[in-house]
Amino acid sequence: MYAVARVTEAECTAEKGCRLCIAACPEPNTINYDFNKKVAVVHEQRCKGCELCVPACQVQKCISMIHL
């Protein structure tokens, strides 16, 4: 069992310009901006569980690690 990042879409402020989680993620194309939903989206199959996106997020508890 391992953990991957998940964005709470209702809390995400990526539409307002915050995309710090995207910049913090060392794995290419793992966290992207979804132009339709206007939020950051984690591609869970690519996430390595490093958790670097969690402290990078400016919204407390917007990104959490979930166990699969």
PDB file of N, CA and C in Angstrom:
ATOM      1  N   MET A   1       0.852  -1.175   0.000  1.00  0.00           N
ATOM      2  CA  MET A   1       0.000   0.000   0.000  1.00  0.00           C
ATOM      3  C   MET A   1       0.900   1.242   0.000  1.00  0.00           C
ATOM      4  N   TYR A   2       0.526   2.250  -0.749  1.00  0.00           N
ATOM      5  CA  TYR A   2       1.301   3.474  -0.820  1.00  0.00           C
ATOM      6  C   TYR A   2       0.378   4.672  -0.864  1.00  0.00           C
ATOM      7  N   ALA A   3       0.927   5.858  -0.644  1.00  0.00           N
ATOM      8  CA  ALA A   3       0.140   7.085  -0.609  1.00  0.00           C
ATOM      9  C   ALA A   3       0.366   7.895  -1.882  1.00  0.00           C
ATOM     10  N   VAL A   4      -0.681   8.560  -2.324  1.00  0.00           N
ATOM     11  CA  VAL A   4      -0.608   9.490  -3.448  1.00  0.00           C
ATOM     12  C   VAL A   4      -1.319  10.773  -3.044  1.00  0.00           C
ATOM     13  N   ALA A   5      -0.983  11.856  -3.734  1.00  0.00           N
ATOM     14  CA  ALA A   5      -1.586  13.151  -3.446  1.00  0.00           C
ATOM     15  C   ALA A   5      -2.980  13.240  -4.056  1.00  0.00           C
ATOM     16  N   ARG A   6      -3.847  13.961  -3.362  1.00  0.00           N
ATOM     17  CA  ARG A   6      -5.178  14.237  -3.894  1.00  0.00           C
ATOM     18  C   ARG A   6      -5.537  15.676  -3.537  1.00  0.00           C
ATOM     19  N   VAL A   7      -6.060  16.420  -4.507  1.00  0.00           N
ATOM     20  CA  VAL A   7      -6.445  17.816  -4.328  1.00  0.00           C
ATOM     21  C   VAL A   7      -7.919  17.877  -3.956  1.00  0.00           C
ATOM     22  N   THR A   8      -8.232  18.661  -2.924  1.00  0.00           N
ATOM     23  CA  THR A   8      -9.623  18.943  -2.587  1.00  0.00           C
ATOM     24  C   THR A   8     -10.052  20.093  -3.499  1.00  0.00           C
ATOM     25  N   GLU A   9     -10.777  19.768  -4.534  1.00  0.00           N
ATOM     26  CA  GLU A   9     -11.085  20.742  -5.591  1.00  0.00           C
ATOM     27  C   GLU A   9     -11.818  21.971  -5.074  1.00  0.00           C
ATOM     28  N   ALA A  10     -12.696  21.816  -4.105  1.00  0.00           N
ATOM     29  CA  ALA A  10     -13.462  22.944  -3.579  1.00  0.00           C
ATOM     30  C   ALA A  10     -12.572  23.974  -2.888  1.00  0.00           C
ATOM     31  N   GLU A  11     -11.386  23.558  -2.447  1.00  0.00           N
ATOM     32  CA  GLU A  11     -10.463  24.446  -1.733  1.00  0.00           C
ATOM     33  C   GLU A  11      -9.362  25.010  -2.626  1.00  0.00           C
ATOM     34  N   CYS A  12      -9.154  24.427  -3.784  1.00  0.00           N
ATOM     35  CA  CYS A  12      -8.032  24.775  -4.648  1.00  0.00           C
ATOM     36  C   CYS A  12      -8.177  26.200  -5.206  1.00  0.00           C
ATOM     37  N   THR A  13      -7.073  26.961  -5.134  1.00  0.00           N
ATOM     38  CA  THR A  13      -7.072  28.339  -5.632  1.00  0.00           C
ATOM     39  C   THR A  13      -6.224  28.497  -6.894  1.00  0.00           C
ATOM     40  N   ALA A  14      -6.024  27.417  -7.617  1.00  0.00           N
ATOM     41  CA  ALA A  14      -5.207  27.477  -8.832  1.00  0.00           C
ATOM     42  C   ALA A  14      -5.782  28.447  -9.858  1.00  0.00           C
ATOM     43  N   GLU A  15      -7.089  28.584  -9.898  1.00  0.00           N
ATOM     44  CA  GLU A  15      -7.717  29.513 -10.836  1.00  0.00           C
ATOM     45  C   GLU A  15      -7.276  30.954 -10.571  1.00  0.00           C
ATOM     46  N   LYS A  16      -6.973  31.256  -9.332  1.00  0.00           N
ATOM     47  CA  LYS A  16      -6.561  32.607  -8.948  1.00  0.00           C
ATOM     48  C   LYS A  16      -5.071  32.830  -9.122  1.00  0.00           C
ATOM     49  N   GLY A  17      -4.364  31.837  -9.635  1.00  0.00           N
ATOM     50  CA  GLY A  17      -2.950  31.995  -9.923  1.00  0.00           C
ATOM     51  C   GLY A  17      -2.027  31.128  -9.094  1.00  0.00           C
ATOM     52  N   CYS A  18      -2.542  30.548  -8.019  1.00  0.00           N
ATOM     53  CA  CYS A  18      -1.696  29.654  -7.224  1.00  0.00           C
ATOM     54  C   CYS A  18      -1.540  28.352  -7.994  1.00  0.00           C
ATOM     55  N   ARG A  19      -0.354  28.000  -8.259  1.00  0.00           N
ATOM     56  CA  ARG A  19      -0.064  26.704  -8.884  1.00  0.00           C
ATOM     57  C   ARG A  19       1.244  26.178  -8.305  1.00  0.00           C
ATOM     58  N   LEU A  20       1.424  26.477  -7.017  1.00  0.00           N
ATOM     59  CA  LEU A  20       2.654  26.113  -6.335  1.00  0.00           C
ATOM     60  C   LEU A  20       2.851  24.610  -6.262  1.00  0.00           C
ATOM     61  N   CYS A  21       1.767  23.867  -6.112  1.00  0.00           N
ATOM     62  CA  CYS A  21       1.882  22.404  -6.052  1.00  0.00           C
ATOM     63  C   CYS A  21       2.399  21.855  -7.376  1.00  0.00           C
ATOM     64  N   ILE A  22       1.975  22.455  -8.462  1.00  0.00           N
ATOM     65  CA  ILE A  22       2.420  22.024  -9.786  1.00  0.00           C
ATOM     66  C   ILE A  22       3.918  22.259  -9.918  1.00  0.00           C
ATOM     67  N   ALA A  23       4.372  23.419  -9.470  1.00  0.00           N
ATOM     68  CA  ALA A  23       5.795  23.758  -9.544  1.00  0.00           C
ATOM     69  C   ALA A  23       6.632  22.902  -8.602  1.00  0.00           C
ATOM     70  N   ALA A  24       6.078  22.522  -7.467  1.00  0.00           N
ATOM     71  CA  ALA A  24       6.827  21.761  -6.462  1.00  0.00           C
ATOM     72  C   ALA A  24       6.987  20.289  -6.821  1.00  0.00           C
ATOM     73  N   CYS A  25       6.120  19.771  -7.640  1.00  0.00           N
ATOM     74  CA  CYS A  25       6.147  18.348  -7.958  1.00  0.00           C
ATOM     75  C   CYS A  25       7.346  18.013  -8.845  1.00  0.00           C
ATOM     76  N   PRO A  26       8.220  17.102  -8.391  1.00  0.00           N
ATOM     77  CA  PRO A  26       9.397  16.754  -9.182  1.00  0.00           C
ATOM     78  C   PRO A  26       9.118  15.772 -10.318  1.00  0.00           C
ATOM     79  N   GLU A  27       7.947  15.171 -10.316  1.00  0.00           N
ATOM     80  CA  GLU A  27       7.602  14.171 -11.335  1.00  0.00           C
ATOM     81  C   GLU A  27       6.843  14.868 -12.473  1.00  0.00           C
ATOM     82  N   PRO A  28       7.406  14.933 -13.677  1.00  0.00           N
ATOM     83  CA  PRO A  28       6.750  15.646 -14.788  1.00  0.00           C
ATOM     84  C   PRO A  28       5.335  15.142 -15.059  1.00  0.00           C
ATOM     85  N   ASN A  29       4.454  16.087 -15.345  1.00  0.00           N
ATOM     86  CA  ASN A  29       3.067  15.806 -15.721  1.00  0.00           C
ATOM     87  C   ASN A  29       2.293  14.985 -14.693  1.00  0.00           C
ATOM     88  N   THR A  30       2.612  15.186 -13.420  1.00  0.00           N
ATOM     89  CA  THR A  30       1.881  14.486 -12.365  1.00  0.00           C
ATOM     90  C   THR A  30       0.794  15.371 -11.786  1.00  0.00           C
ATOM     91  N   ILE A  31       1.092  16.642 -11.578  1.00  0.00           N
ATOM     92  CA  ILE A  31       0.077  17.605 -11.159  1.00  0.00           C
ATOM     93  C   ILE A  31      -0.029  18.632 -12.274  1.00  0.00           C
ATOM     94  N   ASN A  32      -1.218  18.798 -12.804  1.00  0.00           N
ATOM     95  CA  ASN A  32      -1.455  19.740 -13.897  1.00  0.00           C
ATOM     96  C   ASN A  32      -2.642  20.617 -13.574  1.00  0.00           C
ATOM     97  N   TYR A  33      -2.733  21.733 -14.288  1.00  0.00           N
ATOM     98  CA  TYR A  33      -3.889  22.615 -14.165  1.00  0.00           C
ATOM     99  C   TYR A  33      -4.954  22.146 -15.139  1.00  0.00           C
ATOM    100  N   ASP A  34      -6.141  21.890 -14.618  1.00  0.00           N
ATOM    101  CA  ASP A  34      -7.275  21.484 -15.451  1.00  0.00           C
ATOM    102  C   ASP A  34      -8.036  22.750 -15.837  1.00  0.00           C
ATOM    103  N   PHE A  35      -7.956  23.137 -17.102  1.00  0.00           N
ATOM    104  CA  PHE A  35      -8.569  24.378 -17.569  1.00  0.00           C
ATOM    105  C   PHE A  35     -10.092  24.320 -17.532  1.00  0.00           C
ATOM    106  N   ASN A  36     -10.676  23.143 -17.599  1.00  0.00           N
ATOM    107  CA  ASN A  36     -12.134  23.020 -17.521  1.00  0.00           C
ATOM    108  C   ASN A  36     -12.631  23.153 -16.085  1.00  0.00           C
ATOM    109  N   LYS A  37     -11.985  22.446 -15.160  1.00  0.00           N
ATOM    110  CA  LYS A  37     -12.385  22.496 -13.749  1.00  0.00           C
ATOM    111  C   LYS A  37     -11.799  23.706 -13.020  1.00  0.00           C
ATOM    112  N   LYS A  38     -10.718  24.265 -13.584  1.00  0.00           N
ATOM    113  CA  LYS A  38     -10.006  25.409 -13.015  1.00  0.00           C
ATOM    114  C   LYS A  38      -9.381  25.087 -11.658  1.00  0.00           C
ATOM    115  N   VAL A  39      -8.833  23.893 -11.539  1.00  0.00           N
ATOM    116  CA  VAL A  39      -8.151  23.439 -10.325  1.00  0.00           C
ATOM    117  C   VAL A  39      -6.925  22.617 -10.710  1.00  0.00           C
ATOM    118  N   ALA A  40      -6.064  22.385  -9.734  1.00  0.00           N
ATOM    119  CA  ALA A  40      -4.939  21.477  -9.928  1.00  0.00           C
ATOM    120  C   ALA A  40      -5.468  20.050  -9.832  1.00  0.00           C
ATOM    121  N   VAL A  41      -4.948  19.182 -10.671  1.00  0.00           N
ATOM    122  CA  VAL A  41      -5.388  17.784 -10.701  1.00  0.00           C
ATOM    123  C   VAL A  41      -4.157  16.893 -10.632  1.00  0.00           C
ATOM    124  N   VAL A  42      -4.209  15.907  -9.744  1.00  0.00           N
ATOM    125  CA  VAL A  42      -3.118  14.945  -9.598  1.00  0.00           C
ATOM    126  C   VAL A  42      -3.441  13.705 -10.426  1.00  0.00           C
ATOM    127  N   HIS A  43      -2.513  13.310 -11.252  1.00  0.00           N
ATOM    128  CA  HIS A  43      -2.642  12.055 -11.990  1.00  0.00           C
ATOM    129  C   HIS A  43      -2.075  10.976 -11.079  1.00  0.00           C
ATOM    130  N   GLU A  44      -2.949  10.347 -10.331  1.00  0.00           N
ATOM    131  CA  GLU A  44      -2.551   9.443  -9.249  1.00  0.00           C
ATOM    132  C   GLU A  44      -1.659   8.297  -9.713  1.00  0.00           C
ATOM    133  N   GLN A  45      -1.814   7.837 -10.933  1.00  0.00           N
ATOM    134  CA  GLN A  45      -0.983   6.738 -11.420  1.00  0.00           C
ATOM    135  C   GLN A  45       0.466   7.159 -11.602  1.00  0.00           C
ATOM    136  N   ARG A  46       0.745   8.462 -11.661  1.00  0.00           N
ATOM    137  CA  ARG A  46       2.115   8.961 -11.819  1.00  0.00           C
ATOM    138  C   ARG A  46       2.726   9.399 -10.495  1.00  0.00           C
ATOM    139  N   CYS A  47       1.898   9.670  -9.499  1.00  0.00           N
ATOM    140  CA  CYS A  47       2.359  10.202  -8.211  1.00  0.00           C
ATOM    141  C   CYS A  47       3.236   9.181  -7.490  1.00  0.00           C
ATOM    142  N   LYS A  48       4.395   9.634  -7.022  1.00  0.00           N
ATOM    143  CA  LYS A  48       5.347   8.770  -6.315  1.00  0.00           C
ATOM    144  C   LYS A  48       5.214   8.875  -4.794  1.00  0.00           C
ATOM    145  N   GLY A  49       4.321   9.751  -4.314  1.00  0.00           N
ATOM    146  CA  GLY A  49       4.087   9.870  -2.883  1.00  0.00           C
ATOM    147  C   GLY A  49       5.147  10.643  -2.124  1.00  0.00           C
ATOM    148  N   CYS A  50       5.877  11.536  -2.782  1.00  0.00           N
ATOM    149  CA  CYS A  50       6.965  12.265  -2.134  1.00  0.00           C
ATOM    150  C   CYS A  50       6.471  13.334  -1.158  1.00  0.00           C
ATOM    151  N   GLU A  51       5.243  13.779  -1.316  1.00  0.00           N
ATOM    152  CA  GLU A  51       4.582  14.765  -0.446  1.00  0.00           C
ATOM    153  C   GLU A  51       5.133  16.183  -0.581  1.00  0.00           C
ATOM    154  N   LEU A  52       5.951  16.493  -1.571  1.00  0.00           N
ATOM    155  CA  LEU A  52       6.481  17.844  -1.731  1.00  0.00           C
ATOM    156  C   LEU A  52       5.396  18.866  -2.062  1.00  0.00           C
ATOM    157  N   CYS A  53       4.313  18.421  -2.641  1.00  0.00           N
ATOM    158  CA  CYS A  53       3.218  19.320  -2.991  1.00  0.00           C
ATOM    159  C   CYS A  53       2.429  19.771  -1.765  1.00  0.00           C
ATOM    160  N   VAL A  54       2.408  18.953  -0.716  1.00  0.00           N
ATOM    161  CA  VAL A  54       1.588  19.254   0.466  1.00  0.00           C
ATOM    162  C   VAL A  54       2.036  20.553   1.140  1.00  0.00           C
ATOM    163  N   PRO A  55       3.304  20.719   1.523  1.00  0.00           N
ATOM    164  CA  PRO A  55       3.696  21.984   2.151  1.00  0.00           C
ATOM    165  C   PRO A  55       3.772  23.152   1.158  1.00  0.00           C
ATOM    166  N   ALA A  56       3.879  22.863  -0.130  1.00  0.00           N
ATOM    167  CA  ALA A  56       3.945  23.935  -1.137  1.00  0.00           C
ATOM    168  C   ALA A  56       2.598  24.623  -1.313  1.00  0.00           C
ATOM    169  N   CYS A  57       1.523  23.919  -1.048  1.00  0.00           N
ATOM    170  CA  CYS A  57       0.174  24.467  -1.237  1.00  0.00           C
ATOM    171  C   CYS A  57      -0.082  25.600  -0.254  1.00  0.00           C
ATOM    172  N   GLN A  58      -0.582  26.722  -0.752  1.00  0.00           N
ATOM    173  CA  GLN A  58      -0.852  27.862   0.122  1.00  0.00           C
ATOM    174  C   GLN A  58      -2.171  27.727   0.880  1.00  0.00           C
ATOM    175  N   VAL A  59      -3.001  26.774   0.508  1.00  0.00           N
ATOM    176  CA  VAL A  59      -4.275  26.545   1.186  1.00  0.00           C
ATOM    177  C   VAL A  59      -4.101  25.356   2.120  1.00  0.00           C
ATOM    178  N   GLN A  60      -4.278  25.583   3.399  1.00  0.00           N
ATOM    179  CA  GLN A  60      -4.068  24.518   4.377  1.00  0.00           C
ATOM    180  C   GLN A  60      -4.994  23.335   4.114  1.00  0.00           C
ATOM    181  N   LYS A  61      -4.418  22.180   4.023  1.00  0.00           N
ATOM    182  CA  LYS A  61      -5.120  20.909   3.844  1.00  0.00           C
ATOM    183  C   LYS A  61      -5.865  20.785   2.507  1.00  0.00           C
ATOM    184  N   CYS A  62      -5.472  21.551   1.506  1.00  0.00           N
ATOM    185  CA  CYS A  62      -6.080  21.422   0.183  1.00  0.00           C
ATOM    186  C   CYS A  62      -5.564  20.153  -0.504  1.00  0.00           C
ATOM    187  N   ILE A  63      -4.310  19.812  -0.240  1.00  0.00           N
ATOM    188  CA  ILE A  63      -3.737  18.595  -0.790  1.00  0.00           C
ATOM    189  C   ILE A  63      -3.488  17.632   0.367  1.00  0.00           C
ATOM    190  N   SER A  64      -3.954  16.436   0.209  1.00  0.00           N
ATOM    191  CA  SER A  64      -3.726  15.426   1.238  1.00  0.00           C
ATOM    192  C   SER A  64      -3.192  14.169   0.584  1.00  0.00           C
ATOM    193  N   MET A  65      -2.545  13.377   1.381  1.00  0.00           N
ATOM    194  CA  MET A  65      -2.026  12.096   0.906  1.00  0.00           C
ATOM    195  C   MET A  65      -3.048  11.014   1.271  1.00  0.00           C
ATOM    196  N   ILE A  66      -3.417  10.221   0.291  1.00  0.00           N
ATOM    197  CA  ILE A  66      -4.369   9.149   0.540  1.00  0.00           C
ATOM    198  C   ILE A  66      -3.689   7.814   0.268  1.00  0.00           C
ATOM    199  N   HIS A  67      -4.095   6.809   0.997  1.00  0.00           N
ATOM    200  CA  HIS A  67      -3.520   5.471   0.825  1.00  0.00           C
ATOM    201  C   HIS A  67      -4.364   4.667  -0.146  1.00  0.00           C
ATOM    202  N   LEU A  68      -3.701   4.080  -1.106  1.00  0.00           N
ATOM    203  CA  LEU A  68      -4.384   3.235  -2.085  1.00  0.00           C
ATOM    204  C   LEU A  68      -4.199   1.782  -1.751  1.00  0.00           C
TER     205      LEU A  68
END
